[in-house]
Amino acid sequence: MAKHTFEEKLDIVSQVKGGKPILRISRELRIREGMILEWVRKYNLYGERGLLKQPNVRATSDFKEEIVRTILEKKVPLVQVVLQYGVSKSALESWVKLVRIHGYAVLHQQKNRGRQPKDMSKSKKHEPETELEKLQTENTRLRAEIALLKKVKALVKEREARERMNGQKPLKN
């Protein structure tokens, strides 16, 4: 999605105000008609200030509920609410959809943000290990180590065999 400068937006809005059709501007500049229309509405409502980049709105659950009630109960058009509150159209659409499916309570549920942590830690025992448990743990570790060494040895032999087949002298590590 291309970002448009304040000057570009102002120029496009002035072309529309000058009588040039939005469809023609849209095709020439390859900008969605809806976006141009939104810029014109913002300009009509707020003047040049409406074309400046707006800070992101961090919506509280009460704020979301107020906006959704405005749309659903007062039947205010979505486009008007977007302009009035400065919230993105896609966010509003998703809030309205959620409320229609699950009710207003869904807006007050807290979401866990970010990636869920992986529990990679070993289980911690609080009682001391017995001698048998210590030996079993060491035995398991040694078996894993032996299996790893066997794999490494097999890979080295395989590489040496390939080098012999290609007529190269095996490397000594």
N, C-alpha and C. Protein backbone atom coordinates (compact mmCIF):
# COMPACT_ATOMS: atom_id res chain seq x y z
N MET A 1 0.84 -1.16 0.00
CA MET A 1 0.00 0.00 0.00
C MET A 1 0.89 1.24 0.00
N ALA A 2 0.75 2.09 -1.01
CA ALA A 2 1.57 3.28 -1.14
C ALA A 2 1.09 4.36 -0.17
N LYS A 3 2.04 5.05 0.44
CA LYS A 3 1.72 6.18 1.30
C LYS A 3 1.71 7.43 0.43
N HIS A 4 0.80 8.31 0.70
CA HIS A 4 0.68 9.53 -0.08
C HIS A 4 0.99 10.71 0.81
N THR A 5 1.76 11.65 0.28
CA THR A 5 2.14 12.82 1.06
C THR A 5 0.96 13.77 1.19
N PHE A 6 1.11 14.68 2.13
CA PHE A 6 0.09 15.70 2.34
C PHE A 6 -0.11 16.51 1.04
N GLU A 7 0.99 16.84 0.38
CA GLU A 7 0.91 17.64 -0.84
C GLU A 7 0.15 16.90 -1.95
N GLU A 8 0.41 15.59 -2.08
CA GLU A 8 -0.30 14.79 -3.09
C GLU A 8 -1.80 14.78 -2.80
N LYS A 9 -2.14 14.55 -1.55
CA LYS A 9 -3.56 14.51 -1.17
C LYS A 9 -4.22 15.86 -1.44
N LEU A 10 -3.54 16.95 -1.07
CA LEU A 10 -4.09 18.28 -1.27
C LEU A 10 -4.28 18.57 -2.75
N ASP A 11 -3.32 18.16 -3.57
CA ASP A 11 -3.42 18.37 -5.02
C ASP A 11 -4.62 17.60 -5.59
N ILE A 12 -4.78 16.36 -5.16
CA ILE A 12 -5.90 15.53 -5.65
C ILE A 12 -7.24 16.13 -5.22
N VAL A 13 -7.32 16.55 -3.96
CA VAL A 13 -8.57 17.15 -3.47
C VAL A 13 -8.87 18.43 -4.25
N SER A 14 -7.85 19.23 -4.54
CA SER A 14 -8.09 20.48 -5.30
C SER A 14 -8.55 20.16 -6.72
N GLN A 15 -8.05 19.07 -7.30
CA GLN A 15 -8.52 18.67 -8.63
C GLN A 15 -10.00 18.29 -8.58
N VAL A 16 -10.39 17.55 -7.53
CA VAL A 16 -11.79 17.17 -7.38
C VAL A 16 -12.65 18.42 -7.17
N LYS A 17 -12.19 19.34 -6.32
CA LYS A 17 -12.92 20.57 -6.08
C LYS A 17 -13.03 21.41 -7.35
N GLY A 18 -12.02 21.27 -8.22
CA GLY A 18 -12.01 22.00 -9.49
C GLY A 18 -12.93 21.40 -10.54
N GLY A 19 -13.54 20.26 -10.22
CA GLY A 19 -14.51 19.67 -11.12
C GLY A 19 -14.04 18.44 -11.87
N LYS A 20 -12.80 18.02 -11.65
CA LYS A 20 -12.30 16.82 -12.32
C LYS A 20 -12.94 15.59 -11.68
N PRO A 21 -13.47 14.67 -12.49
CA PRO A 21 -14.14 13.49 -11.92
C PRO A 21 -13.19 12.59 -11.13
N ILE A 22 -13.69 12.08 -10.01
CA ILE A 22 -12.89 11.20 -9.15
C ILE A 22 -12.47 9.95 -9.90
N LEU A 23 -13.34 9.43 -10.74
CA LEU A 23 -13.03 8.22 -11.50
C LEU A 23 -11.81 8.43 -12.39
N ARG A 24 -11.75 9.59 -13.06
CA ARG A 24 -10.61 9.88 -13.94
C ARG A 24 -9.32 10.01 -13.14
N ILE A 25 -9.38 10.72 -12.03
CA ILE A 25 -8.19 10.87 -11.18
C ILE A 25 -7.74 9.51 -10.67
N SER A 26 -8.70 8.70 -10.26
CA SER A 26 -8.42 7.36 -9.74
C SER A 26 -7.67 6.52 -10.77
N ARG A 27 -8.15 6.56 -12.01
CA ARG A 27 -7.51 5.76 -13.07
C ARG A 27 -6.14 6.30 -13.44
N GLU A 28 -6.01 7.63 -13.52
CA GLU A 28 -4.73 8.23 -13.90
C GLU A 28 -3.65 7.95 -12.86
N LEU A 29 -4.00 8.09 -11.60
CA LEU A 29 -3.02 7.96 -10.52
C LEU A 29 -2.99 6.58 -9.87
N ARG A 30 -3.92 5.72 -10.30
CA ARG A 30 -4.03 4.36 -9.75
C ARG A 30 -4.21 4.38 -8.23
N ILE A 31 -5.19 5.18 -7.83
CA ILE A 31 -5.57 5.28 -6.42
C ILE A 31 -7.04 4.91 -6.33
N ARG A 32 -7.41 4.14 -5.32
CA ARG A 32 -8.81 3.74 -5.17
C ARG A 32 -9.72 4.96 -5.09
N GLU A 33 -10.87 4.85 -5.73
CA GLU A 33 -11.85 5.94 -5.69
C GLU A 33 -12.28 6.22 -4.25
N GLY A 34 -12.46 5.16 -3.48
CA GLY A 34 -12.89 5.30 -2.08
C GLY A 34 -11.90 6.11 -1.26
N MET A 35 -10.61 5.93 -1.54
CA MET A 35 -9.59 6.67 -0.80
C MET A 35 -9.67 8.16 -1.15
N ILE A 36 -9.83 8.45 -2.43
CA ILE A 36 -9.94 9.85 -2.86
C ILE A 36 -11.19 10.47 -2.24
N LEU A 37 -12.27 9.74 -2.25
CA LEU A 37 -13.52 10.23 -1.66
C LEU A 37 -13.34 10.50 -0.17
N GLU A 38 -12.61 9.63 0.50
CA GLU A 38 -12.35 9.81 1.93
C GLU A 38 -11.54 11.08 2.17
N TRP A 39 -10.52 11.33 1.33
CA TRP A 39 -9.72 12.55 1.46
C TRP A 39 -10.59 13.80 1.27
N VAL A 40 -11.49 13.75 0.30
CA VAL A 40 -12.37 14.88 0.05
C VAL A 40 -13.29 15.11 1.25
N ARG A 41 -13.84 14.04 1.80
CA ARG A 41 -14.71 14.18 2.98
C ARG A 41 -13.95 14.76 4.17
N LYS A 42 -12.73 14.26 4.39
CA LYS A 42 -11.92 14.78 5.49
C LYS A 42 -11.60 16.26 5.27
N TYR A 43 -11.31 16.62 4.03
CA TYR A 43 -11.01 18.01 3.72
C TYR A 43 -12.24 18.88 3.96
N ASN A 44 -13.41 18.40 3.55
CA ASN A 44 -14.64 19.16 3.75
C ASN A 44 -14.95 19.33 5.23
N LEU A 45 -14.64 18.33 6.03
CA LEU A 45 -14.97 18.35 7.45
C LEU A 45 -13.95 19.14 8.27
N TYR A 46 -12.64 18.92 8.00
CA TYR A 46 -11.58 19.48 8.84
C TYR A 46 -10.65 20.46 8.12
N GLY A 47 -10.82 20.64 6.83
CA GLY A 47 -9.91 21.49 6.08
C GLY A 47 -8.61 20.75 5.80
N GLU A 48 -7.54 21.50 5.58
CA GLU A 48 -6.24 20.89 5.26
C GLU A 48 -5.76 19.99 6.39
N ARG A 49 -6.11 20.32 7.62
CA ARG A 49 -5.71 19.53 8.78
C ARG A 49 -6.21 18.08 8.67
N GLY A 50 -7.34 17.87 7.98
CA GLY A 50 -7.90 16.54 7.83
C GLY A 50 -7.08 15.63 6.94
N LEU A 51 -6.19 16.22 6.13
CA LEU A 51 -5.36 15.42 5.23
C LEU A 51 -4.03 15.02 5.86
N LEU A 52 -3.72 15.56 7.02
CA LEU A 52 -2.49 15.20 7.71
C LEU A 52 -2.62 13.81 8.32
N LYS A 53 -1.48 13.14 8.51
CA LYS A 53 -1.49 11.82 9.12
C LYS A 53 -1.99 11.94 10.55
N GLN A 54 -2.95 11.13 10.88
CA GLN A 54 -3.54 11.15 12.22
C GLN A 54 -2.83 10.12 13.10
N PRO A 55 -2.66 10.42 14.38
CA PRO A 55 -2.05 9.42 15.27
C PRO A 55 -2.98 8.23 15.43
N ASN A 56 -2.38 7.06 15.65
CA ASN A 56 -3.18 5.85 15.86
C ASN A 56 -3.99 5.98 17.14
N VAL A 57 -5.22 5.53 17.09
CA VAL A 57 -6.11 5.60 18.24
C VAL A 57 -6.02 4.27 18.99
N ARG A 58 -5.71 4.34 20.27
CA ARG A 58 -5.69 3.14 21.11
C ARG A 58 -7.06 3.06 21.77
N ALA A 59 -7.91 2.24 21.21
CA ALA A 59 -9.31 2.21 21.62
C ALA A 59 -9.51 1.36 22.87
N THR A 60 -10.16 1.95 23.86
CA THR A 60 -10.54 1.18 25.05
C THR A 60 -11.83 0.44 24.73
N SER A 61 -12.17 -0.51 25.56
CA SER A 61 -13.38 -1.29 25.31
C SER A 61 -14.63 -0.41 25.40
N ASP A 62 -14.64 0.59 26.29
CA ASP A 62 -15.79 1.50 26.39
C ASP A 62 -15.91 2.36 25.14
N PHE A 63 -14.78 2.81 24.63
CA PHE A 63 -14.76 3.61 23.41
C PHE A 63 -15.30 2.79 22.23
N LYS A 64 -14.85 1.54 22.14
CA LYS A 64 -15.33 0.65 21.06
C LYS A 64 -16.84 0.47 21.16
N GLU A 65 -17.32 0.24 22.38
CA GLU A 65 -18.75 0.02 22.57
C GLU A 65 -19.55 1.26 22.17
N GLU A 66 -19.06 2.43 22.56
CA GLU A 66 -19.75 3.67 22.21
C GLU A 66 -19.86 3.83 20.69
N ILE A 67 -18.78 3.56 19.99
CA ILE A 67 -18.77 3.71 18.54
C ILE A 67 -19.70 2.69 17.88
N VAL A 68 -19.64 1.44 18.31
CA VAL A 68 -20.48 0.40 17.73
C VAL A 68 -21.95 0.69 18.00
N ARG A 69 -22.27 1.18 19.20
CA ARG A 69 -23.66 1.56 19.50
C ARG A 69 -24.11 2.69 18.59
N THR A 70 -23.23 3.62 18.31
CA THR A 70 -23.56 4.72 17.39
C THR A 70 -23.95 4.17 16.03
N ILE A 71 -23.21 3.18 15.57
CA ILE A 71 -23.47 2.62 14.24
C ILE A 71 -24.74 1.76 14.25
N LEU A 72 -24.86 0.86 15.23
CA LEU A 72 -25.96 -0.09 15.22
C LEU A 72 -27.29 0.48 15.72
N GLU A 73 -27.23 1.26 16.78
CA GLU A 73 -28.47 1.73 17.39
C GLU A 73 -28.94 3.08 16.84
N LYS A 74 -28.00 3.97 16.57
CA LYS A 74 -28.38 5.29 16.04
C LYS A 74 -28.37 5.32 14.52
N LYS A 75 -27.96 4.21 13.92
CA LYS A 75 -27.95 4.07 12.45
C LYS A 75 -27.12 5.14 11.75
N VAL A 76 -26.01 5.56 12.39
CA VAL A 76 -25.11 6.52 11.78
C VAL A 76 -24.24 5.75 10.78
N PRO A 77 -24.06 6.26 9.56
CA PRO A 77 -23.26 5.55 8.56
C PRO A 77 -21.82 5.33 9.02
N LEU A 78 -21.28 4.20 8.65
CA LEU A 78 -19.92 3.81 9.02
C LEU A 78 -18.91 4.87 8.59
N VAL A 79 -19.07 5.39 7.37
CA VAL A 79 -18.13 6.38 6.83
C VAL A 79 -18.12 7.63 7.71
N GLN A 80 -19.26 8.04 8.18
CA GLN A 80 -19.35 9.23 9.03
C GLN A 80 -18.66 8.99 10.37
N VAL A 81 -18.83 7.80 10.92
CA VAL A 81 -18.20 7.46 12.20
C VAL A 81 -16.68 7.41 12.04
N VAL A 82 -16.21 6.89 10.92
CA VAL A 82 -14.76 6.85 10.64
C VAL A 82 -14.20 8.26 10.67
N LEU A 83 -14.87 9.18 10.00
CA LEU A 83 -14.40 10.56 9.95
C LEU A 83 -14.50 11.24 11.32
N GLN A 84 -15.57 10.98 12.03
CA GLN A 84 -15.82 11.64 13.31
C GLN A 84 -14.84 11.21 14.39
N TYR A 85 -14.57 9.89 14.47
CA TYR A 85 -13.74 9.37 15.57
C TYR A 85 -12.29 9.08 15.18
N GLY A 86 -11.99 9.08 13.89
CA GLY A 86 -10.62 8.84 13.46
C GLY A 86 -10.17 7.40 13.62
N VAL A 87 -11.10 6.48 13.57
CA VAL A 87 -10.78 5.05 13.69
C VAL A 87 -10.83 4.44 12.29
N SER A 88 -10.00 3.45 12.04
CA SER A 88 -9.97 2.85 10.71
C SER A 88 -11.27 2.12 10.39
N LYS A 89 -11.59 2.13 9.12
CA LYS A 89 -12.83 1.50 8.66
C LYS A 89 -12.80 -0.01 8.92
N SER A 90 -11.66 -0.64 8.67
CA SER A 90 -11.57 -2.09 8.85
C SER A 90 -11.73 -2.48 10.32
N ALA A 91 -11.17 -1.67 11.23
CA ALA A 91 -11.34 -1.95 12.66
C ALA A 91 -12.81 -1.84 13.06
N LEU A 92 -13.45 -0.78 12.58
CA LEU A 92 -14.88 -0.60 12.90
C LEU A 92 -15.72 -1.75 12.37
N GLU A 93 -15.43 -2.15 11.14
CA GLU A 93 -16.19 -3.27 10.55
C GLU A 93 -16.04 -4.53 11.38
N SER A 94 -14.82 -4.80 11.84
CA SER A 94 -14.61 -6.02 12.63
C SER A 94 -15.30 -5.93 13.98
N TRP A 95 -15.30 -4.75 14.62
CA TRP A 95 -15.98 -4.60 15.91
C TRP A 95 -17.48 -4.81 15.74
N VAL A 96 -18.05 -4.22 14.69
CA VAL A 96 -19.49 -4.36 14.45
C VAL A 96 -19.84 -5.83 14.20
N LYS A 97 -19.03 -6.49 13.41
CA LYS A 97 -19.27 -7.91 13.11
C LYS A 97 -19.22 -8.75 14.39
N LEU A 98 -18.21 -8.50 15.24
CA LEU A 98 -18.09 -9.23 16.50
C LEU A 98 -19.32 -9.01 17.39
N VAL A 99 -19.76 -7.77 17.46
CA VAL A 99 -20.92 -7.46 18.31
C VAL A 99 -22.18 -8.12 17.78
N ARG A 100 -22.34 -8.14 16.47
CA ARG A 100 -23.53 -8.79 15.89
C ARG A 100 -23.54 -10.28 16.18
N ILE A 101 -22.37 -10.89 16.22
CA ILE A 101 -22.29 -12.34 16.46
C ILE A 101 -22.34 -12.67 17.95
N HIS A 102 -21.53 -11.96 18.76
CA HIS A 102 -21.34 -12.34 20.16
C HIS A 102 -21.93 -11.36 21.18
N GLY A 103 -22.38 -10.21 20.75
CA GLY A 103 -22.91 -9.21 21.69
C GLY A 103 -21.82 -8.26 22.15
N TYR A 104 -22.23 -7.22 22.89
CA TYR A 104 -21.31 -6.16 23.31
C TYR A 104 -20.25 -6.64 24.29
N ALA A 105 -20.50 -7.72 25.00
CA ALA A 105 -19.54 -8.22 26.00
C ALA A 105 -18.21 -8.59 25.37
N VAL A 106 -18.22 -8.97 24.09
CA VAL A 106 -16.98 -9.38 23.43
C VAL A 106 -15.98 -8.23 23.34
N LEU A 107 -16.46 -7.00 23.33
CA LEU A 107 -15.57 -5.85 23.26
C LEU A 107 -14.82 -5.61 24.56
N HIS A 108 -15.34 -6.17 25.65
CA HIS A 108 -14.72 -5.96 26.96
C HIS A 108 -13.77 -7.10 27.35
N GLN A 109 -13.67 -8.12 26.52
CA GLN A 109 -12.76 -9.23 26.84
C GLN A 109 -11.33 -8.80 26.53
N GLN A 110 -10.44 -9.19 27.43
CA GLN A 110 -9.03 -8.87 27.25
C GLN A 110 -8.38 -9.92 26.36
N LYS A 111 -7.58 -9.46 25.40
CA LYS A 111 -6.85 -10.40 24.55
C LYS A 111 -5.43 -10.50 25.06
N ASN A 112 -4.89 -11.71 25.02
CA ASN A 112 -3.48 -11.89 25.34
C ASN A 112 -2.69 -11.48 24.10
N ARG A 113 -1.88 -10.45 24.24
CA ARG A 113 -1.15 -9.93 23.09
C ARG A 113 0.21 -10.61 22.99
N GLY A 114 0.67 -10.78 21.76
CA GLY A 114 1.99 -11.34 21.53
C GLY A 114 2.00 -12.85 21.45
N ARG A 115 3.17 -13.37 21.22
CA ARG A 115 3.36 -14.81 21.08
C ARG A 115 3.30 -15.49 22.43
N GLN A 116 2.70 -16.65 22.45
CA GLN A 116 2.63 -17.42 23.67
C GLN A 116 4.02 -17.98 24.00
N PRO A 117 4.44 -17.90 25.26
CA PRO A 117 5.77 -18.43 25.60
C PRO A 117 5.79 -19.95 25.53
N LYS A 118 6.93 -20.47 25.08
CA LYS A 118 7.10 -21.92 25.05
C LYS A 118 7.73 -22.35 26.37
N ASP A 119 7.22 -23.44 26.92
CA ASP A 119 7.77 -23.93 28.17
C ASP A 119 8.83 -24.98 27.84
N MET A 120 10.07 -24.53 27.71
CA MET A 120 11.16 -25.41 27.32
C MET A 120 11.98 -25.87 28.53
N SER A 121 11.62 -25.41 29.68
CA SER A 121 12.42 -25.73 30.86
C SER A 121 12.17 -27.17 31.30
N LYS A 122 13.17 -27.71 31.97
CA LYS A 122 13.04 -29.05 32.52
C LYS A 122 12.13 -28.98 33.74
N SER A 123 11.44 -30.07 34.00
CA SER A 123 10.61 -30.08 35.19
C SER A 123 11.52 -30.05 36.41
N LYS A 124 11.18 -29.19 37.33
CA LYS A 124 12.04 -29.01 38.49
C LYS A 124 11.48 -29.83 39.65
N LYS A 125 12.35 -30.67 40.19
CA LYS A 125 11.94 -31.47 41.34
C LYS A 125 12.43 -30.76 42.59
N HIS A 126 11.59 -30.77 43.59
CA HIS A 126 11.97 -30.11 44.83
C HIS A 126 12.61 -31.09 45.82
N GLU A 127 12.26 -32.37 45.70
CA GLU A 127 12.89 -33.32 46.60
C GLU A 127 14.22 -33.78 45.97
N PRO A 128 15.19 -34.11 46.77
CA PRO A 128 16.49 -34.51 46.23
C PRO A 128 16.39 -35.83 45.46
N GLU A 129 17.22 -35.94 44.38
CA GLU A 129 17.22 -37.16 43.58
C GLU A 129 17.89 -38.29 44.35
N THR A 130 17.40 -39.47 44.16
CA THR A 130 18.05 -40.64 44.77
C THR A 130 19.23 -41.02 43.89
N GLU A 131 20.07 -41.88 44.39
CA GLU A 131 21.24 -42.32 43.63
C GLU A 131 20.80 -43.02 42.34
N LEU A 132 19.73 -43.81 42.42
CA LEU A 132 19.21 -44.52 41.25
C LEU A 132 18.76 -43.53 40.18
N GLU A 133 18.03 -42.48 40.60
CA GLU A 133 17.57 -41.49 39.63
C GLU A 133 18.75 -40.76 38.98
N LYS A 134 19.77 -40.45 39.76
CA LYS A 134 20.96 -39.79 39.20
C LYS A 134 21.62 -40.68 38.15
N LEU A 135 21.75 -41.97 38.47
CA LEU A 135 22.37 -42.90 37.52
C LEU A 135 21.53 -43.07 36.25
N GLN A 136 20.20 -43.12 36.41
CA GLN A 136 19.33 -43.25 35.24
C GLN A 136 19.43 -42.02 34.34
N THR A 137 19.50 -40.84 34.95
CA THR A 137 19.63 -39.60 34.18
C THR A 137 20.95 -39.60 33.42
N GLU A 138 22.03 -39.97 34.10
CA GLU A 138 23.34 -40.00 33.45
C GLU A 138 23.35 -41.05 32.33
N ASN A 139 22.73 -42.21 32.56
CA ASN A 139 22.66 -43.27 31.57
C ASN A 139 21.94 -42.77 30.30
N THR A 140 20.84 -42.07 30.48
CA THR A 140 20.07 -41.52 29.35
C THR A 140 20.92 -40.52 28.57
N ARG A 141 21.63 -39.64 29.30
CA ARG A 141 22.48 -38.65 28.66
C ARG A 141 23.59 -39.32 27.86
N LEU A 142 24.22 -40.34 28.45
CA LEU A 142 25.32 -41.04 27.77
C LEU A 142 24.82 -41.78 26.52
N ARG A 143 23.64 -42.38 26.59
CA ARG A 143 23.09 -43.05 25.41
C ARG A 143 22.85 -42.06 24.27
N ALA A 144 22.33 -40.88 24.62
CA ALA A 144 22.11 -39.86 23.60
C ALA A 144 23.44 -39.41 23.00
N GLU A 145 24.46 -39.28 23.84
CA GLU A 145 25.79 -38.87 23.37
C GLU A 145 26.38 -39.92 22.44
N ILE A 146 26.25 -41.19 22.79
CA ILE A 146 26.76 -42.28 21.95
C ILE A 146 26.04 -42.30 20.61
N ALA A 147 24.72 -42.12 20.62
CA ALA A 147 23.95 -42.10 19.37
C ALA A 147 24.41 -40.96 18.48
N LEU A 148 24.69 -39.81 19.08
CA LEU A 148 25.17 -38.67 18.31
C LEU A 148 26.53 -38.97 17.70
N LEU A 149 27.43 -39.54 18.48
CA LEU A 149 28.77 -39.87 17.98
C LEU A 149 28.70 -40.90 16.85
N LYS A 150 27.80 -41.87 16.96
CA LYS A 150 27.64 -42.86 15.89
C LYS A 150 27.18 -42.19 14.60
N LYS A 151 26.26 -41.24 14.71
CA LYS A 151 25.78 -40.54 13.52
C LYS A 151 26.90 -39.73 12.89
N VAL A 152 27.68 -39.06 13.71
CA VAL A 152 28.80 -38.25 13.20
C VAL A 152 29.80 -39.16 12.50
N LYS A 153 30.10 -40.30 13.10
CA LYS A 153 31.05 -41.24 12.51
C LYS A 153 30.54 -41.75 11.16
N ALA A 154 29.25 -42.06 11.08
CA ALA A 154 28.66 -42.54 9.83
C ALA A 154 28.71 -41.45 8.77
N LEU A 155 28.47 -40.21 9.13
CA LEU A 155 28.53 -39.10 8.17
C LEU A 155 29.94 -38.89 7.66
N VAL A 156 30.92 -39.01 8.54
CA VAL A 156 32.32 -38.85 8.13
C VAL A 156 32.70 -39.95 7.15
N LYS A 157 32.31 -41.20 7.45
CA LYS A 157 32.61 -42.31 6.55
C LYS A 157 31.95 -42.11 5.19
N GLU A 158 30.70 -41.63 5.21
CA GLU A 158 29.98 -41.39 3.97
C GLU A 158 30.68 -40.32 3.14
N ARG A 159 31.12 -39.26 3.78
CA ARG A 159 31.82 -38.19 3.07
C ARG A 159 33.14 -38.70 2.49
N GLU A 160 33.88 -39.49 3.26
CA GLU A 160 35.15 -40.02 2.77
C GLU A 160 34.92 -40.94 1.58
N ALA A 161 33.85 -41.75 1.63
CA ALA A 161 33.55 -42.65 0.51
C ALA A 161 33.21 -41.84 -0.74
N ARG A 162 32.46 -40.76 -0.59
CA ARG A 162 32.13 -39.90 -1.73
C ARG A 162 33.37 -39.27 -2.33
N GLU A 163 34.28 -38.84 -1.45
CA GLU A 163 35.52 -38.22 -1.93
C GLU A 163 36.39 -39.23 -2.67
N ARG A 164 36.42 -40.47 -2.19
CA ARG A 164 37.19 -41.52 -2.88
C ARG A 164 36.60 -41.79 -4.26
N MET A 165 35.24 -41.77 -4.33
CA MET A 165 34.57 -42.02 -5.61
C MET A 165 34.87 -40.90 -6.62
N ASN A 166 35.03 -39.67 -6.11
CA ASN A 166 35.31 -38.54 -6.99
C ASN A 166 36.79 -38.38 -7.25
N GLY A 167 37.62 -39.23 -6.68
CA GLY A 167 39.06 -39.20 -6.91
C GLY A 167 39.77 -38.17 -6.06
N GLN A 168 39.15 -37.70 -5.01
CA GLN A 168 39.80 -36.73 -4.14
C GLN A 168 40.40 -37.46 -2.96
N LYS A 169 41.39 -36.80 -2.39
CA LYS A 169 42.03 -37.35 -1.21
C LYS A 169 41.21 -36.98 0.02
N PRO A 170 40.85 -37.92 0.89
CA PRO A 170 40.05 -37.59 2.07
C PRO A 170 40.77 -36.59 2.98
N LEU A 171 39.99 -35.68 3.55
CA LEU A 171 40.54 -34.69 4.46
C LEU A 171 40.78 -35.32 5.82
N LYS A 172 41.81 -34.88 6.49
CA LYS A 172 42.09 -35.36 7.85
C LYS A 172 41.68 -34.26 8.81
N ASN A 173 40.77 -34.59 9.71
CA ASN A 173 40.32 -33.58 10.68
C ASN A 173 40.89 -33.87 12.01
